[in-house]
Amino acid sequence: NFPNPFKEKTTIPYEVSNPGLIKINIFNSDEILVSTLIEEYIEPGYYIVEWDGRDKLGQILESGRYRVTMSSDELEVEESITITLLK
């Protein structure tokens, strides 16, 4: 993602090699799901999603480290990165 750390928003590029249901989730340091950025059927290709540091209720989250995961119903592999939100 870029920028990292970020203050207002970060851009997360991702690539899908096989069509399927793709989920991109954000977890806090306690491994609690705070936001779902993508949960839809996506065709192969290169994509970009932005995250503005808000939870699923639209509230601004506190500064800290968050884990972004990407999973697919077609693959049993989950990719993850750690990002840092500064407020």
N, C-alpha and C. Protein backbone atom coordinates (compact mmCIF):
# COMPACT_ATOMS: atom_id res chain seq x y z
N ASN A 1 0.85 -1.18 0.00
CA ASN A 1 0.00 0.00 0.00
C ASN A 1 0.88 1.23 0.00
N PHE A 2 0.31 2.33 -0.38
CA PHE A 2 1.05 3.58 -0.36
C PHE A 2 0.06 4.71 -0.15
N PRO A 3 0.39 5.71 0.63
CA PRO A 3 1.58 5.72 1.48
C PRO A 3 1.40 4.82 2.69
N ASN A 4 2.50 4.50 3.31
CA ASN A 4 2.49 3.72 4.55
C ASN A 4 3.70 4.14 5.37
N PRO A 5 3.49 4.78 6.52
CA PRO A 5 2.22 5.05 7.19
C PRO A 5 1.40 6.12 6.44
N PHE A 6 0.12 6.21 6.82
CA PHE A 6 -0.78 7.17 6.17
C PHE A 6 -1.61 7.91 7.20
N LYS A 7 -2.14 9.08 6.78
CA LYS A 7 -2.97 9.88 7.69
C LYS A 7 -4.43 9.92 7.24
N GLU A 8 -4.67 10.20 5.98
CA GLU A 8 -6.05 10.36 5.52
C GLU A 8 -6.56 9.17 4.73
N LYS A 9 -5.75 8.64 3.84
CA LYS A 9 -6.15 7.46 3.09
C LYS A 9 -4.91 6.78 2.54
N THR A 10 -5.07 5.51 2.24
CA THR A 10 -4.00 4.74 1.63
C THR A 10 -4.57 3.97 0.45
N THR A 11 -3.74 3.73 -0.52
CA THR A 11 -4.13 3.01 -1.72
C THR A 11 -3.54 1.61 -1.66
N ILE A 12 -4.39 0.62 -1.88
CA ILE A 12 -3.97 -0.77 -1.80
C ILE A 12 -4.17 -1.42 -3.17
N PRO A 13 -3.08 -1.66 -3.89
CA PRO A 13 -3.21 -2.36 -5.18
C PRO A 13 -3.30 -3.87 -4.94
N TYR A 14 -4.02 -4.55 -5.80
CA TYR A 14 -4.10 -6.00 -5.71
C TYR A 14 -4.35 -6.60 -7.07
N GLU A 15 -3.95 -7.85 -7.21
CA GLU A 15 -4.10 -8.54 -8.48
C GLU A 15 -4.88 -9.83 -8.28
N VAL A 16 -5.79 -10.10 -9.18
CA VAL A 16 -6.59 -11.31 -9.14
C VAL A 16 -6.20 -12.15 -10.34
N SER A 17 -5.75 -13.38 -10.09
CA SER A 17 -5.32 -14.23 -11.21
C SER A 17 -6.41 -15.22 -11.66
N ASN A 18 -7.34 -15.52 -10.76
CA ASN A 18 -8.46 -16.42 -11.10
C ASN A 18 -9.76 -15.74 -10.68
N PRO A 19 -10.80 -15.84 -11.49
CA PRO A 19 -12.07 -15.22 -11.10
C PRO A 19 -12.63 -15.87 -9.85
N GLY A 20 -13.31 -15.08 -9.04
CA GLY A 20 -13.92 -15.64 -7.84
C GLY A 20 -14.35 -14.56 -6.87
N LEU A 21 -14.89 -15.00 -5.74
CA LEU A 21 -15.30 -14.10 -4.69
C LEU A 21 -14.05 -13.64 -3.94
N ILE A 22 -13.78 -12.37 -4.00
CA ILE A 22 -12.59 -11.78 -3.37
C ILE A 22 -13.04 -10.99 -2.15
N LYS A 23 -12.31 -11.16 -1.04
CA LYS A 23 -12.57 -10.39 0.18
C LYS A 23 -11.29 -9.68 0.59
N ILE A 24 -11.41 -8.39 0.84
CA ILE A 24 -10.31 -7.63 1.42
C ILE A 24 -10.82 -7.04 2.71
N ASN A 25 -10.22 -7.47 3.82
CA ASN A 25 -10.65 -7.07 5.15
C ASN A 25 -9.54 -6.35 5.89
N ILE A 26 -9.93 -5.49 6.83
CA ILE A 26 -9.00 -4.78 7.69
C ILE A 26 -9.25 -5.25 9.13
N PHE A 27 -8.18 -5.66 9.80
CA PHE A 27 -8.25 -6.10 11.19
C PHE A 27 -7.39 -5.20 12.07
N ASN A 28 -7.84 -4.95 13.28
CA ASN A 28 -7.02 -4.16 14.21
C ASN A 28 -5.98 -5.08 14.87
N SER A 29 -5.20 -4.51 15.79
CA SER A 29 -4.13 -5.28 16.42
C SER A 29 -4.65 -6.41 17.32
N ASP A 30 -5.93 -6.35 17.69
CA ASP A 30 -6.55 -7.42 18.47
C ASP A 30 -7.19 -8.49 17.57
N GLU A 31 -6.93 -8.37 16.26
CA GLU A 31 -7.47 -9.29 15.25
C GLU A 31 -8.99 -9.24 15.15
N ILE A 32 -9.56 -8.07 15.44
CA ILE A 32 -11.00 -7.84 15.29
C ILE A 32 -11.23 -7.18 13.93
N LEU A 33 -12.17 -7.71 13.17
CA LEU A 33 -12.51 -7.13 11.87
C LEU A 33 -13.08 -5.74 12.06
N VAL A 34 -12.44 -4.73 11.45
CA VAL A 34 -12.94 -3.36 11.58
C VAL A 34 -13.56 -2.85 10.29
N SER A 35 -13.19 -3.43 9.14
CA SER A 35 -13.76 -2.97 7.88
C SER A 35 -13.59 -4.03 6.80
N THR A 36 -14.56 -4.10 5.91
CA THR A 36 -14.47 -4.93 4.71
C THR A 36 -14.46 -3.99 3.52
N LEU A 37 -13.34 -3.98 2.78
CA LEU A 37 -13.21 -3.07 1.64
C LEU A 37 -13.82 -3.66 0.38
N ILE A 38 -13.65 -4.95 0.19
CA ILE A 38 -14.15 -5.64 -1.00
C ILE A 38 -14.74 -6.97 -0.56
N GLU A 39 -15.90 -7.29 -1.09
CA GLU A 39 -16.48 -8.63 -0.94
C GLU A 39 -17.41 -8.83 -2.13
N GLU A 40 -16.77 -9.22 -3.24
CA GLU A 40 -17.54 -9.37 -4.47
C GLU A 40 -16.82 -10.28 -5.45
N TYR A 41 -17.55 -10.74 -6.43
CA TYR A 41 -16.98 -11.57 -7.48
C TYR A 41 -16.17 -10.67 -8.40
N ILE A 42 -14.91 -11.04 -8.62
CA ILE A 42 -14.02 -10.20 -9.42
C ILE A 42 -13.33 -11.06 -10.47
N GLU A 43 -13.26 -10.52 -11.68
CA GLU A 43 -12.56 -11.17 -12.79
C GLU A 43 -11.06 -10.93 -12.65
N PRO A 44 -10.24 -11.75 -13.32
CA PRO A 44 -8.79 -11.54 -13.27
C PRO A 44 -8.41 -10.13 -13.73
N GLY A 45 -7.41 -9.58 -13.09
CA GLY A 45 -6.93 -8.26 -13.47
C GLY A 45 -6.23 -7.58 -12.31
N TYR A 46 -5.80 -6.37 -12.56
CA TYR A 46 -5.10 -5.56 -11.57
C TYR A 46 -6.06 -4.47 -11.10
N TYR A 47 -6.19 -4.32 -9.79
CA TYR A 47 -7.16 -3.39 -9.22
C TYR A 47 -6.53 -2.54 -8.12
N ILE A 48 -7.23 -1.51 -7.73
CA ILE A 48 -6.80 -0.63 -6.64
C ILE A 48 -8.01 -0.32 -5.78
N VAL A 49 -7.83 -0.38 -4.46
CA VAL A 49 -8.87 0.01 -3.52
C VAL A 49 -8.25 1.00 -2.53
N GLU A 50 -9.04 1.96 -2.08
CA GLU A 50 -8.55 2.93 -1.10
C GLU A 50 -9.21 2.68 0.25
N TRP A 51 -8.49 2.98 1.31
CA TRP A 51 -9.05 2.91 2.65
C TRP A 51 -8.76 4.23 3.35
N ASP A 52 -9.81 4.79 3.96
CA ASP A 52 -9.71 6.11 4.59
C ASP A 52 -9.56 6.04 6.11
N GLY A 53 -9.22 4.89 6.65
CA GLY A 53 -9.01 4.77 8.09
C GLY A 53 -10.28 4.73 8.91
N ARG A 54 -11.40 4.40 8.27
CA ARG A 54 -12.68 4.33 8.98
C ARG A 54 -13.10 2.87 9.17
N ASP A 55 -13.90 2.65 10.20
CA ASP A 55 -14.41 1.31 10.43
C ASP A 55 -15.68 1.08 9.62
N LYS A 56 -16.30 -0.08 9.80
CA LYS A 56 -17.50 -0.43 9.02
C LYS A 56 -18.71 0.44 9.34
N LEU A 57 -18.64 1.20 10.44
CA LEU A 57 -19.71 2.14 10.79
C LEU A 57 -19.42 3.56 10.34
N GLY A 58 -18.25 3.75 9.71
CA GLY A 58 -17.87 5.06 9.21
C GLY A 58 -17.13 5.93 10.21
N GLN A 59 -16.79 5.37 11.36
CA GLN A 59 -16.07 6.14 12.38
C GLN A 59 -14.57 6.07 12.13
N ILE A 60 -13.89 7.18 12.37
CA ILE A 60 -12.44 7.24 12.19
C ILE A 60 -11.76 6.42 13.28
N LEU A 61 -10.88 5.53 12.85
CA LEU A 61 -10.16 4.67 13.79
C LEU A 61 -8.95 5.39 14.38
N GLU A 62 -8.48 4.87 15.50
CA GLU A 62 -7.33 5.44 16.17
C GLU A 62 -6.05 5.09 15.43
N SER A 63 -5.00 5.84 15.71
CA SER A 63 -3.68 5.51 15.18
C SER A 63 -3.31 4.11 15.61
N GLY A 64 -2.59 3.43 14.76
CA GLY A 64 -2.16 2.08 15.11
C GLY A 64 -1.82 1.27 13.90
N ARG A 65 -1.51 0.02 14.15
CA ARG A 65 -1.17 -0.91 13.08
C ARG A 65 -2.40 -1.76 12.77
N TYR A 66 -2.65 -1.93 11.49
CA TYR A 66 -3.79 -2.70 11.02
C TYR A 66 -3.31 -3.73 10.01
N ARG A 67 -3.99 -4.86 9.98
CA ARG A 67 -3.64 -5.92 9.04
C ARG A 67 -4.69 -5.98 7.94
N VAL A 68 -4.22 -5.98 6.70
CA VAL A 68 -5.08 -6.09 5.54
C VAL A 68 -4.95 -7.51 5.01
N THR A 69 -6.08 -8.19 4.83
CA THR A 69 -6.04 -9.55 4.27
C THR A 69 -6.85 -9.60 2.99
N MET A 70 -6.37 -10.42 2.08
CA MET A 70 -7.09 -10.67 0.83
C MET A 70 -7.25 -12.17 0.71
N SER A 71 -8.48 -12.61 0.50
CA SER A 71 -8.74 -14.03 0.34
C SER A 71 -9.70 -14.26 -0.82
N SER A 72 -9.71 -15.48 -1.31
CA SER A 72 -10.55 -15.85 -2.44
C SER A 72 -11.23 -17.17 -2.13
N ASP A 73 -12.44 -17.34 -2.64
CA ASP A 73 -13.13 -18.61 -2.45
C ASP A 73 -12.52 -19.70 -3.32
N GLU A 74 -11.72 -19.31 -4.30
CA GLU A 74 -11.09 -20.28 -5.20
C GLU A 74 -9.78 -20.83 -4.65
N LEU A 75 -9.12 -20.07 -3.78
CA LEU A 75 -7.82 -20.47 -3.26
C LEU A 75 -7.86 -20.54 -1.74
N GLU A 76 -7.07 -21.41 -1.17
CA GLU A 76 -7.02 -21.53 0.27
C GLU A 76 -5.94 -20.64 0.88
N VAL A 77 -5.31 -19.82 0.05
CA VAL A 77 -4.22 -18.96 0.50
C VAL A 77 -4.78 -17.58 0.86
N GLU A 78 -4.29 -17.04 1.96
CA GLU A 78 -4.68 -15.69 2.36
C GLU A 78 -3.42 -14.84 2.38
N GLU A 79 -3.46 -13.72 1.68
CA GLU A 79 -2.34 -12.78 1.66
C GLU A 79 -2.63 -11.70 2.68
N SER A 80 -1.57 -11.20 3.36
CA SER A 80 -1.80 -10.12 4.30
C SER A 80 -0.60 -9.17 4.33
N ILE A 81 -0.88 -7.91 4.66
CA ILE A 81 0.13 -6.88 4.86
C ILE A 81 -0.23 -6.11 6.11
N THR A 82 0.75 -5.45 6.69
CA THR A 82 0.50 -4.60 7.85
C THR A 82 0.66 -3.15 7.44
N ILE A 83 -0.31 -2.31 7.81
CA ILE A 83 -0.25 -0.90 7.49
C ILE A 83 -0.38 -0.10 8.79
N THR A 84 0.09 1.14 8.73
CA THR A 84 0.07 1.99 9.92
C THR A 84 -0.73 3.25 9.66
N LEU A 85 -1.72 3.49 10.51
CA LEU A 85 -2.58 4.67 10.45
C LEU A 85 -2.09 5.67 11.50
N LEU A 86 -1.82 6.90 11.07
CA LEU A 86 -1.39 7.98 11.98
C LEU A 86 -2.47 9.05 12.00
N LYS A 87 -2.93 9.42 13.16
CA LYS A 87 -3.94 10.49 13.28
C LYS A 87 -3.41 11.61 14.12
